[in-house]
């Protein structure tokens, strides 16, 4: 089996698992509300038999439209999120930035790529984790950030859910576009990332983890 075929097979299995899990959640919500399949199906604009197959995981390829209508009828709002898996294909630009970052860190610092959050079933991961044996720093790499506020929220949620995250280094590719973005947003970022790049580099080159989170253009 080629890599492409293997990934397609895994993706199909993911779709099947999501459909089954969603059907079970919809069934549980309906039962908790004391509603019949006929009632919920009518609200969702589908037949009771179609809803029943969805709940039992027998609807082989339910569309997002069907899932979202059934979820709404059961009192839920459906959401689909994408998480990096351990074998994800990285953007070449991101790999270059992470490689540059590794080169400026002292040999005394230990590094690991793709460190998942310690939450069962959670596929989120830090791009890199560095440690000096006493403290940790988690690295989030952005090659071309479009929405800085979204980046801030994503990192804040990871910090909340990962007690071992330590300080966070927001690593941003040094491009003209990114310099303009950070120049405009730097003060808004400062409460969450107070340290500037120069101070981060001095700590890393000395083999130390920075004491607080910061932003590093590299």
N, C-alpha and C. Protein backbone atom coordinates (compact mmCIF):
# COMPACT_ATOMS: atom_id res chain seq x y z
N UNK A 1 0.84 -1.20 0.00
CA UNK A 1 0.00 0.00 0.00
C UNK A 1 0.88 1.25 0.00
N UNK A 2 0.62 2.19 -0.91
CA UNK A 2 1.41 3.41 -0.96
C UNK A 2 1.02 4.33 0.18
N UNK A 3 1.89 5.33 0.43
CA UNK A 3 1.59 6.30 1.48
C UNK A 3 0.28 7.01 1.22
N UNK A 4 0.04 7.35 -0.04
CA UNK A 4 -1.19 8.05 -0.39
C UNK A 4 -2.42 7.18 -0.09
N UNK A 5 -2.35 5.89 -0.47
CA UNK A 5 -3.46 4.98 -0.19
C UNK A 5 -3.67 4.78 1.30
N UNK A 6 -2.56 4.68 2.04
CA UNK A 6 -2.67 4.48 3.49
C UNK A 6 -3.34 5.68 4.15
N UNK A 7 -2.94 6.89 3.76
CA UNK A 7 -3.53 8.09 4.34
C UNK A 7 -5.01 8.19 3.99
N UNK A 8 -5.36 7.84 2.73
CA UNK A 8 -6.77 7.87 2.33
C UNK A 8 -7.58 6.87 3.14
N UNK A 9 -7.02 5.68 3.40
CA UNK A 9 -7.72 4.66 4.19
C UNK A 9 -7.93 5.14 5.61
N UNK A 10 -6.90 5.75 6.19
CA UNK A 10 -7.02 6.27 7.56
C UNK A 10 -8.07 7.38 7.60
N UNK A 11 -8.07 8.24 6.57
CA UNK A 11 -9.06 9.32 6.52
C UNK A 11 -10.47 8.78 6.45
N UNK A 12 -10.68 7.73 5.68
CA UNK A 12 -12.01 7.10 5.60
C UNK A 12 -12.42 6.54 6.95
N UNK A 13 -11.47 5.91 7.64
CA UNK A 13 -11.75 5.38 8.98
C UNK A 13 -12.08 6.50 9.95
N UNK A 14 -11.39 7.63 9.83
CA UNK A 14 -11.69 8.78 10.69
C UNK A 14 -13.13 9.24 10.47
N UNK A 15 -13.53 9.32 9.19
CA UNK A 15 -14.89 9.76 8.87
C UNK A 15 -15.93 8.81 9.46
N UNK A 16 -15.65 7.51 9.37
CA UNK A 16 -16.57 6.52 9.91
C UNK A 16 -16.68 6.66 11.43
N UNK A 17 -15.54 6.82 12.08
CA UNK A 17 -15.55 6.95 13.54
C UNK A 17 -16.31 8.20 13.98
N UNK A 18 -16.08 9.32 13.28
CA UNK A 18 -16.77 10.56 13.63
C UNK A 18 -18.28 10.42 13.46
N UNK A 19 -18.68 9.74 12.38
CA UNK A 19 -20.11 9.56 12.13
C UNK A 19 -20.75 8.72 13.23
N UNK A 20 -20.08 7.63 13.63
CA UNK A 20 -20.61 6.76 14.67
C UNK A 20 -20.68 7.50 16.01
N UNK A 21 -19.60 8.20 16.36
CA UNK A 21 -19.57 8.92 17.64
C UNK A 21 -20.64 10.01 17.68
N UNK A 22 -20.80 10.73 16.56
CA UNK A 22 -21.79 11.80 16.51
C UNK A 22 -23.20 11.25 16.62
N UNK A 23 -23.45 10.12 15.95
CA UNK A 23 -24.76 9.49 16.03
C UNK A 23 -25.10 9.10 17.46
N UNK A 24 -24.13 8.56 18.17
CA UNK A 24 -24.36 8.18 19.56
C UNK A 24 -24.67 9.41 20.42
N UNK A 25 -23.94 10.50 20.19
CA UNK A 25 -24.20 11.72 20.97
C UNK A 25 -25.59 12.25 20.70
N UNK A 26 -26.01 12.25 19.43
CA UNK A 26 -27.34 12.73 19.08
C UNK A 26 -28.40 11.86 19.73
N UNK A 27 -28.20 10.53 19.69
CA UNK A 27 -29.16 9.62 20.32
C UNK A 27 -29.24 9.87 21.82
N UNK A 28 -28.09 10.06 22.45
CA UNK A 28 -28.08 10.31 23.90
C UNK A 28 -28.79 11.60 24.25
N UNK A 29 -28.56 12.65 23.45
CA UNK A 29 -29.21 13.93 23.72
C UNK A 29 -30.73 13.82 23.54
N UNK A 30 -31.14 13.11 22.49
CA UNK A 30 -32.57 12.93 22.24
C UNK A 30 -33.24 12.18 23.39
N UNK A 31 -32.61 11.10 23.83
CA UNK A 31 -33.20 10.31 24.92
C UNK A 31 -33.26 11.11 26.22
N UNK A 32 -32.19 11.87 26.48
CA UNK A 32 -32.17 12.68 27.70
C UNK A 32 -33.30 13.71 27.72
N UNK A 33 -33.64 14.19 26.51
CA UNK A 33 -34.73 15.17 26.41
C UNK A 33 -36.10 14.51 26.38
N UNK A 34 -36.12 13.17 26.32
CA UNK A 34 -37.39 12.46 26.28
C UNK A 34 -38.11 12.61 24.96
N UNK A 35 -37.36 12.88 23.88
CA UNK A 35 -37.97 13.10 22.57
C UNK A 35 -37.91 11.83 21.73
N UNK A 36 -38.88 11.64 20.88
CA UNK A 36 -38.90 10.49 19.99
C UNK A 36 -38.07 10.78 18.74
N UNK A 37 -37.68 9.71 18.06
CA UNK A 37 -36.96 9.88 16.80
C UNK A 37 -37.83 10.62 15.79
N UNK A 38 -39.11 10.30 15.78
CA UNK A 38 -40.02 10.95 14.82
C UNK A 38 -40.05 12.46 15.04
N UNK A 39 -40.10 12.88 16.32
CA UNK A 39 -40.16 14.30 16.64
C UNK A 39 -38.88 15.02 16.22
N UNK A 40 -37.73 14.47 16.61
CA UNK A 40 -36.45 15.11 16.28
C UNK A 40 -36.21 15.09 14.77
N UNK A 41 -36.57 13.99 14.12
CA UNK A 41 -36.38 13.90 12.67
C UNK A 41 -37.20 14.95 11.94
N UNK A 42 -38.43 15.19 12.42
CA UNK A 42 -39.28 16.19 11.78
C UNK A 42 -38.65 17.58 11.88
N UNK A 43 -38.08 17.88 13.05
CA UNK A 43 -37.42 19.18 13.23
C UNK A 43 -36.20 19.29 12.31
N UNK A 44 -35.50 18.16 12.15
CA UNK A 44 -34.29 18.17 11.34
C UNK A 44 -34.57 18.09 9.85
N UNK A 45 -35.82 17.85 9.49
CA UNK A 45 -36.16 17.77 8.07
C UNK A 45 -35.71 16.49 7.42
N UNK A 46 -35.82 15.38 8.16
CA UNK A 46 -35.45 14.08 7.61
C UNK A 46 -36.44 13.04 8.12
N UNK A 47 -36.35 11.85 7.59
CA UNK A 47 -37.26 10.79 8.04
C UNK A 47 -36.77 10.20 9.36
N UNK A 48 -37.69 9.60 10.10
CA UNK A 48 -37.32 8.95 11.36
C UNK A 48 -36.37 7.79 11.11
N UNK A 49 -36.56 7.09 10.00
CA UNK A 49 -35.67 5.96 9.70
C UNK A 49 -34.25 6.44 9.40
N UNK A 50 -34.13 7.59 8.72
CA UNK A 50 -32.80 8.14 8.44
C UNK A 50 -32.11 8.56 9.73
N UNK A 51 -32.86 9.21 10.62
CA UNK A 51 -32.29 9.60 11.91
C UNK A 51 -31.88 8.37 12.70
N UNK A 52 -32.71 7.33 12.66
CA UNK A 52 -32.38 6.10 13.38
C UNK A 52 -31.09 5.48 12.88
N UNK A 53 -30.90 5.46 11.57
CA UNK A 53 -29.65 4.90 11.01
C UNK A 53 -28.46 5.74 11.41
N UNK A 54 -28.66 7.07 11.45
CA UNK A 54 -27.57 7.95 11.88
C UNK A 54 -27.20 7.67 13.34
N UNK A 55 -28.20 7.54 14.19
CA UNK A 55 -27.95 7.30 15.61
C UNK A 55 -27.26 5.96 15.85
N UNK A 56 -27.60 4.96 15.05
CA UNK A 56 -27.03 3.63 15.22
C UNK A 56 -25.72 3.43 14.46
N UNK A 57 -25.27 4.45 13.77
CA UNK A 57 -24.04 4.33 13.00
C UNK A 57 -24.21 3.51 11.75
N UNK A 58 -25.43 3.40 11.26
CA UNK A 58 -25.70 2.59 10.07
C UNK A 58 -25.76 3.43 8.80
N UNK A 59 -25.74 4.74 8.96
CA UNK A 59 -25.71 5.63 7.79
C UNK A 59 -24.25 5.75 7.38
N UNK A 60 -23.86 5.06 6.34
CA UNK A 60 -22.45 4.88 6.04
C UNK A 60 -21.71 6.18 5.76
N UNK A 61 -22.31 7.05 4.98
CA UNK A 61 -21.63 8.30 4.63
C UNK A 61 -22.56 9.49 4.83
N UNK A 62 -22.89 9.79 6.07
CA UNK A 62 -23.77 10.94 6.31
C UNK A 62 -23.07 12.24 5.92
N UNK A 63 -23.79 13.13 5.28
CA UNK A 63 -23.20 14.41 4.91
C UNK A 63 -23.12 15.31 6.13
N UNK A 64 -22.28 16.34 6.05
CA UNK A 64 -22.21 17.32 7.13
C UNK A 64 -23.55 18.00 7.33
N UNK A 65 -24.27 18.20 6.24
CA UNK A 65 -25.59 18.83 6.32
C UNK A 65 -26.52 17.99 7.19
N UNK A 66 -26.55 16.68 6.95
CA UNK A 66 -27.41 15.78 7.73
C UNK A 66 -27.00 15.79 9.20
N UNK A 67 -25.69 15.69 9.46
CA UNK A 67 -25.20 15.67 10.84
C UNK A 67 -25.55 16.97 11.56
N UNK A 68 -25.33 18.09 10.90
CA UNK A 68 -25.58 19.39 11.55
C UNK A 68 -27.06 19.62 11.80
N UNK A 69 -27.92 19.20 10.87
CA UNK A 69 -29.36 19.36 11.08
C UNK A 69 -29.85 18.47 12.23
N UNK A 70 -29.36 17.24 12.27
CA UNK A 70 -29.77 16.34 13.36
C UNK A 70 -29.26 16.85 14.71
N UNK A 71 -28.03 17.35 14.72
CA UNK A 71 -27.46 17.87 15.97
C UNK A 71 -28.27 19.07 16.48
N UNK A 72 -28.62 19.98 15.58
CA UNK A 72 -29.42 21.15 15.97
C UNK A 72 -30.78 20.72 16.51
N UNK A 73 -31.38 19.75 15.85
CA UNK A 73 -32.69 19.29 16.28
C UNK A 73 -32.63 18.65 17.66
N UNK A 74 -31.45 18.09 18.00
CA UNK A 74 -31.27 17.46 19.31
C UNK A 74 -30.75 18.45 20.35
N UNK A 75 -30.60 19.70 19.96
CA UNK A 75 -30.15 20.73 20.91
C UNK A 75 -28.66 20.94 20.96
N UNK A 76 -27.95 20.51 19.92
CA UNK A 76 -26.50 20.65 19.86
C UNK A 76 -26.09 21.49 18.66
N UNK A 77 -24.91 22.03 18.74
CA UNK A 77 -24.29 22.69 17.59
C UNK A 77 -23.06 21.87 17.21
N UNK A 78 -23.04 21.30 16.02
CA UNK A 78 -21.94 20.43 15.60
C UNK A 78 -20.70 21.27 15.29
N UNK A 79 -19.53 20.68 15.55
CA UNK A 79 -18.27 21.36 15.29
C UNK A 79 -17.25 20.34 14.82
N UNK A 80 -16.50 20.70 13.80
CA UNK A 80 -15.44 19.83 13.29
C UNK A 80 -14.12 20.57 13.43
N UNK A 81 -13.16 19.99 14.14
CA UNK A 81 -11.85 20.62 14.34
C UNK A 81 -10.76 19.73 13.77
N UNK A 82 -9.73 20.35 13.27
CA UNK A 82 -8.60 19.61 12.74
C UNK A 82 -7.43 19.70 13.71
N UNK A 83 -6.79 18.56 14.00
CA UNK A 83 -5.66 18.51 14.89
C UNK A 83 -4.50 17.83 14.18
N UNK A 84 -3.28 18.28 14.44
CA UNK A 84 -2.13 17.60 13.83
C UNK A 84 -1.97 16.21 14.42
N UNK A 85 -1.68 15.24 13.56
CA UNK A 85 -1.37 13.92 14.09
C UNK A 85 0.14 13.75 14.09
N UNK A 86 0.61 12.65 14.62
CA UNK A 86 2.06 12.48 14.77
C UNK A 86 2.82 12.42 13.47
N UNK A 87 2.11 12.19 12.35
CA UNK A 87 2.80 12.05 11.07
C UNK A 87 2.43 13.14 10.08
N UNK A 88 1.94 14.26 10.56
CA UNK A 88 1.46 15.27 9.64
C UNK A 88 2.59 15.82 8.77
N UNK A 89 2.19 16.21 7.57
CA UNK A 89 3.15 16.82 6.66
C UNK A 89 3.31 18.28 7.03
N UNK A 90 4.50 18.66 7.36
CA UNK A 90 4.74 20.03 7.76
C UNK A 90 5.04 20.91 6.56
N UNK A 91 4.71 22.15 6.70
CA UNK A 91 5.08 23.13 5.71
C UNK A 91 6.60 23.28 5.71
N UNK A 92 7.20 23.33 4.52
CA UNK A 92 8.65 23.42 4.45
C UNK A 92 9.16 24.68 5.13
N UNK A 93 8.39 25.76 5.03
CA UNK A 93 8.80 27.00 5.69
C UNK A 93 8.85 26.85 7.20
N UNK A 94 7.90 26.13 7.76
CA UNK A 94 7.89 25.91 9.20
C UNK A 94 9.08 25.07 9.63
N UNK A 95 9.40 24.05 8.85
CA UNK A 95 10.56 23.22 9.17
C UNK A 95 11.84 24.05 9.15
N UNK A 96 11.94 24.94 8.19
CA UNK A 96 13.15 25.80 8.12
C UNK A 96 13.26 26.68 9.35
N UNK A 97 12.12 27.25 9.78
CA UNK A 97 12.15 28.13 10.95
C UNK A 97 12.51 27.34 12.21
N UNK A 98 11.93 26.15 12.37
CA UNK A 98 12.26 25.33 13.53
C UNK A 98 13.71 24.89 13.51
N UNK A 99 14.25 24.62 12.33
CA UNK A 99 15.66 24.24 12.23
C UNK A 99 16.55 25.41 12.62
N UNK A 100 16.21 26.61 12.18
CA UNK A 100 16.99 27.79 12.59
C UNK A 100 16.92 27.97 14.10
N UNK A 101 15.74 27.74 14.66
CA UNK A 101 15.57 27.87 16.10
C UNK A 101 16.47 26.89 16.84
N UNK A 102 16.52 25.65 16.38
CA UNK A 102 17.36 24.64 17.02
C UNK A 102 18.84 25.03 16.97
N UNK A 103 19.23 25.69 15.91
CA UNK A 103 20.64 26.06 15.75
C UNK A 103 21.08 27.17 16.69
N UNK A 104 20.14 28.02 17.11
CA UNK A 104 20.53 29.11 18.01
C UNK A 104 20.46 28.68 19.47
N UNK A 105 19.89 27.50 19.73
CA UNK A 105 19.80 27.02 21.11
C UNK A 105 21.10 26.31 21.49
N UNK A 106 21.53 26.49 22.71
CA UNK A 106 22.75 25.84 23.17
C UNK A 106 22.56 24.32 23.21
N UNK A 107 23.66 23.61 23.05
CA UNK A 107 23.61 22.14 23.03
C UNK A 107 23.08 21.58 24.35
N UNK A 108 23.20 22.35 25.43
CA UNK A 108 22.74 21.87 26.73
C UNK A 108 21.22 21.76 26.81
N UNK A 109 20.53 22.43 25.91
CA UNK A 109 19.08 22.37 25.92
C UNK A 109 18.60 21.15 25.14
N UNK A 110 17.71 20.39 25.73
CA UNK A 110 17.15 19.21 25.06
C UNK A 110 15.86 19.59 24.35
N UNK A 111 15.70 19.09 23.14
CA UNK A 111 14.53 19.46 22.34
C UNK A 111 13.77 18.23 21.88
N UNK A 112 12.46 18.41 21.75
CA UNK A 112 11.59 17.37 21.18
C UNK A 112 10.57 18.05 20.28
N UNK A 113 10.30 17.45 19.14
CA UNK A 113 9.29 17.96 18.22
C UNK A 113 7.95 17.29 18.49
N UNK A 114 6.89 17.99 18.14
CA UNK A 114 5.53 17.43 18.19
C UNK A 114 5.20 16.82 19.56
N UNK A 115 5.13 17.65 20.56
CA UNK A 115 4.82 17.20 21.92
C UNK A 115 3.32 17.37 22.16
N UNK A 116 2.62 16.25 22.24
CA UNK A 116 1.17 16.31 22.41
C UNK A 116 0.78 16.73 23.82
N UNK A 117 -0.40 17.33 23.91
CA UNK A 117 -0.91 17.72 25.22
C UNK A 117 -1.29 16.47 26.02
N UNK A 118 -1.10 16.51 27.35
CA UNK A 118 -1.37 15.33 28.19
C UNK A 118 -2.84 15.16 28.51
N UNK A 119 -3.67 15.15 27.48
CA UNK A 119 -5.11 14.98 27.64
C UNK A 119 -5.53 13.81 26.76
N UNK A 120 -6.15 12.81 27.35
CA UNK A 120 -6.51 11.61 26.60
C UNK A 120 -7.40 11.96 25.41
N UNK A 121 -6.98 11.49 24.23
CA UNK A 121 -7.74 11.72 23.02
C UNK A 121 -7.51 13.07 22.37
N UNK A 122 -6.74 13.93 23.01
CA UNK A 122 -6.48 15.28 22.47
C UNK A 122 -5.33 15.20 21.48
N UNK A 123 -5.58 15.65 20.25
CA UNK A 123 -4.56 15.57 19.20
C UNK A 123 -3.71 16.84 19.07
N UNK A 124 -3.99 17.84 19.91
CA UNK A 124 -3.18 19.06 19.82
C UNK A 124 -1.75 18.79 20.27
N UNK A 125 -0.83 19.53 19.69
CA UNK A 125 0.58 19.35 20.04
C UNK A 125 1.32 20.67 19.94
N UNK A 126 2.34 20.81 20.75
CA UNK A 126 3.28 21.92 20.60
C UNK A 126 4.25 21.56 19.48
N UNK A 127 4.67 22.55 18.73
CA UNK A 127 5.60 22.28 17.64
C UNK A 127 6.93 21.78 18.17
N UNK A 128 7.32 22.29 19.33
CA UNK A 128 8.58 21.83 19.92
C UNK A 128 8.53 22.08 21.43
N UNK A 129 9.28 21.29 22.17
CA UNK A 129 9.44 21.48 23.61
C UNK A 129 10.93 21.48 23.91
N UNK A 130 11.40 22.49 24.62
CA UNK A 130 12.80 22.54 25.02
C UNK A 130 12.88 22.58 26.53
N UNK A 131 13.95 22.01 27.09
CA UNK A 131 14.13 21.98 28.54
C UNK A 131 15.60 22.10 28.88
N UNK A 132 15.87 22.71 30.02
CA UNK A 132 17.25 22.79 30.50
C UNK A 132 17.44 21.87 31.70
N UNK A 133 16.46 20.99 31.94
CA UNK A 133 16.52 20.07 33.06
C UNK A 133 15.80 20.58 34.29
N UNK A 134 15.51 21.87 34.30
CA UNK A 134 14.80 22.47 35.44
C UNK A 134 13.47 23.08 35.01
N UNK A 135 13.47 23.67 33.84
CA UNK A 135 12.27 24.36 33.34
C UNK A 135 12.02 23.99 31.89
N UNK A 136 10.77 24.16 31.46
CA UNK A 136 10.38 23.87 30.09
C UNK A 136 9.96 25.13 29.35
N UNK A 137 10.09 25.08 28.04
CA UNK A 137 9.51 26.09 27.16
C UNK A 137 8.85 25.35 26.01
N UNK A 138 7.63 25.74 25.68
CA UNK A 138 6.92 25.17 24.55
C UNK A 138 6.95 26.16 23.40
N UNK A 139 7.19 25.64 22.21
CA UNK A 139 7.37 26.50 21.04
C UNK A 139 6.19 26.34 20.09
N UNK A 140 5.61 27.45 19.70
CA UNK A 140 4.55 27.47 18.69
C UNK A 140 5.07 28.27 17.50
N UNK A 141 5.19 27.60 16.35
CA UNK A 141 5.81 28.21 15.18
C UNK A 141 4.76 28.71 14.20
N UNK A 142 4.88 29.95 13.77
CA UNK A 142 3.98 30.55 12.80
C UNK A 142 4.80 31.09 11.63
N UNK A 143 4.51 30.57 10.43
CA UNK A 143 5.23 31.03 9.24
C UNK A 143 4.58 32.26 8.64
N UNK A 144 3.26 32.27 8.60
CA UNK A 144 2.54 33.40 7.99
C UNK A 144 1.23 33.62 8.74
N UNK A 145 1.30 34.14 9.96
CA UNK A 145 0.08 34.30 10.75
C UNK A 145 -0.87 35.32 10.14
N UNK A 146 -2.14 34.92 10.04
CA UNK A 146 -3.15 35.82 9.48
C UNK A 146 -3.98 36.47 10.58
N UNK A 147 -4.23 35.73 11.64
CA UNK A 147 -5.09 36.22 12.72
C UNK A 147 -4.35 36.05 14.04
N UNK A 148 -3.70 37.10 14.49
CA UNK A 148 -2.90 37.04 15.71
C UNK A 148 -3.76 36.71 16.92
N UNK A 149 -4.98 37.26 16.96
CA UNK A 149 -5.85 36.97 18.11
C UNK A 149 -6.19 35.49 18.17
N UNK A 150 -6.40 34.86 17.02
CA UNK A 150 -6.68 33.42 16.99
C UNK A 150 -5.48 32.63 17.49
N UNK A 151 -4.27 33.07 17.13
CA UNK A 151 -3.05 32.43 17.61
C UNK A 151 -2.97 32.55 19.13
N UNK A 152 -3.25 33.73 19.64
CA UNK A 152 -3.22 33.94 21.09
C UNK A 152 -4.21 33.01 21.81
N UNK A 153 -5.41 32.92 21.29
CA UNK A 153 -6.42 32.07 21.92
C UNK A 153 -6.00 30.61 21.88
N UNK A 154 -5.47 30.16 20.75
CA UNK A 154 -5.06 28.76 20.62
C UNK A 154 -3.96 28.42 21.61
N UNK A 155 -3.00 29.32 21.76
CA UNK A 155 -1.90 29.08 22.69
C UNK A 155 -2.39 29.12 24.13
N UNK A 156 -3.27 30.06 24.43
CA UNK A 156 -3.80 30.16 25.80
C UNK A 156 -4.53 28.88 26.20
N UNK A 157 -5.27 28.30 25.28
CA UNK A 157 -5.98 27.05 25.57
C UNK A 157 -5.00 25.90 25.78
N UNK A 158 -3.94 25.87 25.00
CA UNK A 158 -2.93 24.83 25.19
C UNK A 158 -2.26 24.98 26.55
N UNK A 159 -1.93 26.22 26.93
CA UNK A 159 -1.32 26.44 28.24
C UNK A 159 -2.25 26.01 29.36
N UNK A 160 -3.52 26.29 29.19
CA UNK A 160 -4.51 25.90 30.22
C UNK A 160 -4.55 24.39 30.39
N UNK A 161 -4.44 23.66 29.28
CA UNK A 161 -4.62 22.21 29.30
C UNK A 161 -3.33 21.43 29.46
N UNK A 162 -2.19 22.11 29.50
CA UNK A 162 -0.90 21.42 29.62
C UNK A 162 -0.10 22.01 30.77
N UNK A 163 -0.18 21.40 31.96
CA UNK A 163 0.54 21.92 33.12
C UNK A 163 2.05 21.95 32.94
N UNK A 164 2.58 21.12 32.04
CA UNK A 164 4.03 21.07 31.85
C UNK A 164 4.51 21.95 30.71
N UNK A 165 3.63 22.80 30.19
CA UNK A 165 4.00 23.63 29.03
C UNK A 165 5.16 24.57 29.35
N UNK A 166 5.21 25.09 30.56
CA UNK A 166 6.22 26.07 30.91
C UNK A 166 5.94 27.39 30.20
N UNK A 167 6.97 28.17 29.96
CA UNK A 167 6.80 29.40 29.21
C UNK A 167 6.58 29.03 27.74
N UNK A 168 6.03 29.96 26.99
CA UNK A 168 5.78 29.71 25.57
C UNK A 168 6.56 30.70 24.72
N UNK A 169 7.24 30.16 23.73
CA UNK A 169 7.94 31.00 22.75
C UNK A 169 7.13 30.99 21.47
N UNK A 170 6.59 32.13 21.11
CA UNK A 170 5.89 32.27 19.84
C UNK A 170 6.94 32.57 18.78
N UNK A 171 7.26 31.55 18.00
CA UNK A 171 8.33 31.62 17.01
C UNK A 171 7.72 32.00 15.67
N UNK A 172 8.14 33.13 15.13
CA UNK A 172 7.54 33.66 13.90
C UNK A 172 8.62 33.83 12.83
N UNK A 173 8.33 33.36 11.62
CA UNK A 173 9.28 33.51 10.52
C UNK A 173 9.58 34.98 10.28
N UNK A 174 10.85 35.30 10.11
CA UNK A 174 11.28 36.69 9.92
C UNK A 174 11.09 37.09 8.46
N UNK A 175 9.90 37.59 8.15
CA UNK A 175 9.59 38.09 6.81
C UNK A 175 9.09 39.52 6.93
N UNK A 176 9.08 40.24 5.81
CA UNK A 176 8.61 41.62 5.82
C UNK A 176 7.16 41.69 6.28
N UNK A 177 6.35 40.76 5.80
CA UNK A 177 4.93 40.73 6.20
C UNK A 177 4.79 40.53 7.70
N UNK A 178 5.53 39.55 8.24
CA UNK A 178 5.40 39.25 9.66
C UNK A 178 5.95 40.38 10.53
N UNK A 179 7.00 41.04 10.07
CA UNK A 179 7.52 42.18 10.84
C UNK A 179 6.48 43.28 10.93
N UNK A 180 5.75 43.52 9.83
CA UNK A 180 4.70 44.55 9.85
C UNK A 180 3.56 44.14 10.80
N UNK A 181 3.16 42.87 10.73
CA UNK A 181 2.08 42.39 11.59
C UNK A 181 2.45 42.52 13.05
N UNK A 182 3.67 42.10 13.40
CA UNK A 182 4.08 42.17 14.80
C UNK A 182 4.29 43.60 15.27
N UNK A 183 4.76 44.47 14.37
CA UNK A 183 4.92 45.88 14.74
C UNK A 183 3.57 46.48 15.12
N UNK A 184 2.52 46.07 14.42
CA UNK A 184 1.18 46.58 14.69
C UNK A 184 0.58 45.96 15.94
N UNK A 185 0.92 44.69 16.24
CA UNK A 185 0.25 43.95 17.30
C UNK A 185 1.12 43.70 18.53
N UNK A 186 2.38 44.18 18.52
CA UNK A 186 3.29 43.81 19.59
C UNK A 186 2.77 44.17 20.97
N UNK A 187 2.24 45.36 21.16
CA UNK A 187 1.81 45.75 22.49
C UNK A 187 0.57 44.98 22.93
N UNK A 188 -0.27 44.59 21.99
CA UNK A 188 -1.42 43.77 22.33
C UNK A 188 -0.99 42.37 22.75
N UNK A 189 0.13 41.91 22.21
CA UNK A 189 0.66 40.59 22.55
C UNK A 189 1.43 40.60 23.87
N UNK A 190 1.89 41.76 24.30
CA UNK A 190 2.84 41.82 25.40
C UNK A 190 2.34 41.24 26.72
N UNK A 191 1.07 41.41 27.11
CA UNK A 191 0.64 40.78 28.38
C UNK A 191 0.83 39.26 28.38
N UNK A 192 0.61 38.62 27.22
CA UNK A 192 0.76 37.17 27.13
C UNK A 192 2.19 36.76 26.80
N UNK A 193 2.89 37.60 26.04
CA UNK A 193 4.26 37.31 25.60
C UNK A 193 5.14 38.53 25.87
N UNK A 194 5.50 38.77 27.12
CA UNK A 194 6.22 40.00 27.47
C UNK A 194 7.64 40.09 26.93
N UNK A 195 8.31 38.97 26.73
CA UNK A 195 9.74 39.00 26.38
C UNK A 195 9.94 39.21 24.89
N UNK A 196 10.92 40.04 24.53
CA UNK A 196 11.26 40.27 23.13
C UNK A 196 12.34 39.29 22.66
N UNK A 197 12.56 39.28 21.36
CA UNK A 197 13.44 38.29 20.76
C UNK A 197 14.87 38.30 21.26
N UNK A 198 15.44 39.49 21.46
CA UNK A 198 16.83 39.57 21.90
C UNK A 198 17.05 38.87 23.23
N UNK A 199 16.14 39.09 24.17
CA UNK A 199 16.26 38.46 25.49
C UNK A 199 16.08 36.95 25.39
N UNK A 200 15.19 36.51 24.51
CA UNK A 200 15.00 35.06 24.32
C UNK A 200 16.26 34.43 23.77
N UNK A 201 16.86 35.06 22.76
CA UNK A 201 18.08 34.51 22.16
C UNK A 201 19.23 34.44 23.15
N UNK A 202 19.36 35.46 23.98
CA UNK A 202 20.45 35.45 24.98
C UNK A 202 20.28 34.28 25.94
N UNK A 203 19.05 34.02 26.36
CA UNK A 203 18.80 32.90 27.28
C UNK A 203 19.10 31.57 26.60
N UNK A 204 18.61 31.39 25.38
CA UNK A 204 18.81 30.13 24.67
C UNK A 204 20.29 29.86 24.40
N UNK A 205 21.01 30.87 23.99
CA UNK A 205 22.43 30.69 23.70
C UNK A 205 23.24 30.40 24.95
N UNK A 206 22.71 30.83 26.09
CA UNK A 206 23.37 30.55 27.36
C UNK A 206 22.93 29.22 27.94
N UNK A 207 22.05 28.50 27.22
CA UNK A 207 21.59 27.21 27.70
C UNK A 207 20.52 27.31 28.77
N UNK A 208 19.79 28.42 28.77
CA UNK A 208 18.75 28.63 29.78
C UNK A 208 17.38 28.78 29.12
N UNK A 209 16.35 28.39 29.85
CA UNK A 209 14.99 28.63 29.42
C UNK A 209 14.61 30.06 29.84
N UNK A 210 14.03 30.85 28.96
CA UNK A 210 13.61 32.20 29.36
C UNK A 210 12.65 32.13 30.55
N UNK A 211 12.69 33.15 31.37
CA UNK A 211 11.86 33.13 32.58
C UNK A 211 10.38 33.39 32.31
N UNK A 212 10.09 34.09 31.21
CA UNK A 212 8.69 34.37 30.85
C UNK A 212 8.51 34.12 29.36
N UNK A 213 7.28 34.09 28.94
CA UNK A 213 6.96 33.84 27.53
C UNK A 213 7.34 35.05 26.67
N UNK A 214 7.51 34.80 25.38
CA UNK A 214 7.89 35.90 24.50
C UNK A 214 7.72 35.57 23.04
N UNK A 215 8.05 36.56 22.21
CA UNK A 215 7.93 36.44 20.75
C UNK A 215 9.32 36.52 20.15
N UNK A 216 9.61 35.59 19.25
CA UNK A 216 10.91 35.55 18.60
C UNK A 216 10.74 35.49 17.09
N UNK A 217 11.25 36.52 16.40
CA UNK A 217 11.30 36.53 14.94
C UNK A 217 12.60 35.87 14.52
N UNK A 218 12.52 34.87 13.66
CA UNK A 218 13.74 34.15 13.29
C UNK A 218 13.65 33.65 11.85
